[in-house]
């Protein structure tokens, strides 16, 4: 009974309550607004760093694909047209 009263008090104190039909398996921690800003900033920095690292790799793969297609086109042109 006391546990149910505690749950009701906790729900009354909560700013937002989410009800979902699925089981949540992640731990949720309370963070202060200042901590949240720091976490958000780190997240943005991490995403920017990952993008900076990924773009050259993507460009290289794209250029390889273009070179490969051009080579295939050259090979197809050579094989399809008889030489006089």
Protein backbone atom coordinates (compact mmCIF):
# COMPACT_ATOMS: atom_id res chain seq x y z
CA UNK A 1 0.00 0.00 0.00
CA UNK A 2 2.78 2.39 0.93
CA UNK A 3 4.53 1.56 -2.32
CA UNK A 4 1.41 2.51 -4.29
CA UNK A 5 1.19 5.85 -2.44
CA UNK A 6 4.84 6.51 -3.27
CA UNK A 7 4.18 5.75 -6.95
CA UNK A 8 1.23 8.16 -6.97
CA UNK A 9 3.37 10.89 -5.38
CA UNK A 10 6.14 10.27 -7.90
CA UNK A 11 3.67 10.52 -10.78
CA UNK A 12 2.29 13.76 -9.37
CA UNK A 13 5.83 15.18 -9.20
CA UNK A 14 6.74 14.09 -12.73
CA UNK A 15 6.60 16.80 -15.35
CA UNK A 16 5.86 14.43 -18.22
CA UNK A 17 4.64 10.85 -18.21
CA UNK A 18 4.82 8.74 -21.36
CA UNK A 19 2.67 5.68 -21.81
CA UNK A 20 3.78 3.20 -24.43
CA UNK A 21 2.64 -0.23 -25.43
CA UNK A 22 6.18 -1.53 -25.64
CA UNK A 23 8.65 -2.51 -22.97
CA UNK A 24 11.35 0.04 -22.28
CA UNK A 25 14.70 -1.56 -21.61
CA UNK A 26 16.91 1.48 -21.25
CA UNK A 27 17.81 3.08 -17.99
CA UNK A 28 16.59 6.62 -17.54
CA UNK A 29 18.52 9.07 -15.43
CA UNK A 30 17.52 12.48 -14.22
CA UNK A 31 19.82 15.19 -15.49
CA UNK A 32 19.86 18.87 -14.79
CA UNK A 33 19.26 21.33 -17.62
CA UNK A 34 22.96 22.23 -17.48
CA UNK A 35 23.94 18.55 -17.83
CA UNK A 36 21.47 18.16 -20.69
CA UNK A 37 23.05 21.09 -22.53
CA UNK A 38 26.46 19.50 -22.10
CA UNK A 39 25.23 16.12 -23.33
CA UNK A 40 23.49 17.73 -26.30
CA UNK A 41 26.64 19.70 -27.17
CA UNK A 42 28.77 16.54 -27.00
CA UNK A 43 26.24 14.73 -29.17
CA UNK A 44 26.34 17.48 -31.80
CA UNK A 45 30.15 17.52 -31.74
CA UNK A 46 30.25 13.74 -32.14
CA UNK A 47 27.86 13.85 -35.10
CA UNK A 48 29.90 16.60 -36.77
CA UNK A 49 33.12 14.63 -36.27
CA UNK A 50 31.54 11.46 -37.67
CA UNK A 51 30.28 13.37 -40.71
CA UNK A 52 33.71 14.89 -41.29
CA UNK A 53 35.24 11.42 -41.17
CA UNK A 54 32.55 9.84 -43.35
CA UNK A 55 32.42 12.38 -46.18
CA UNK A 56 35.91 11.67 -47.60
CA UNK A 57 35.21 7.93 -47.48
CA UNK A 58 31.89 8.41 -49.27
CA UNK A 59 33.54 10.61 -51.91
CA UNK A 60 36.28 8.03 -52.48
CA UNK A 61 33.75 5.20 -52.90
CA UNK A 62 31.72 7.37 -55.28
CA UNK A 63 34.80 8.18 -57.37
CA UNK A 64 35.74 4.48 -57.47
CA UNK A 65 32.25 3.62 -58.65
CA UNK A 66 32.42 6.28 -61.38
CA UNK A 67 35.86 5.07 -62.53
CA UNK A 68 34.62 1.48 -62.55
CA UNK A 69 31.57 2.38 -64.62
CA UNK A 70 33.67 4.40 -67.06
CA UNK A 71 36.07 1.47 -67.42
CA UNK A 72 33.17 -0.92 -68.06
CA UNK A 73 31.77 1.46 -70.67
CA UNK A 74 35.16 1.65 -72.40
CA UNK A 75 35.47 -2.13 -72.34
CA UNK A 76 31.93 -2.55 -73.68
CA UNK A 77 32.59 -0.01 -76.45
CA UNK A 78 35.77 -1.78 -77.49
CA UNK A 79 34.09 -5.18 -77.53
CA UNK A 80 30.90 -4.11 -79.30
CA UNK A 81 32.32 -2.13 -82.21
CA UNK A 82 34.33 -4.12 -84.75
CA UNK A 83 37.59 -2.59 -85.85
CA UNK A 84 37.84 -2.01 -89.65
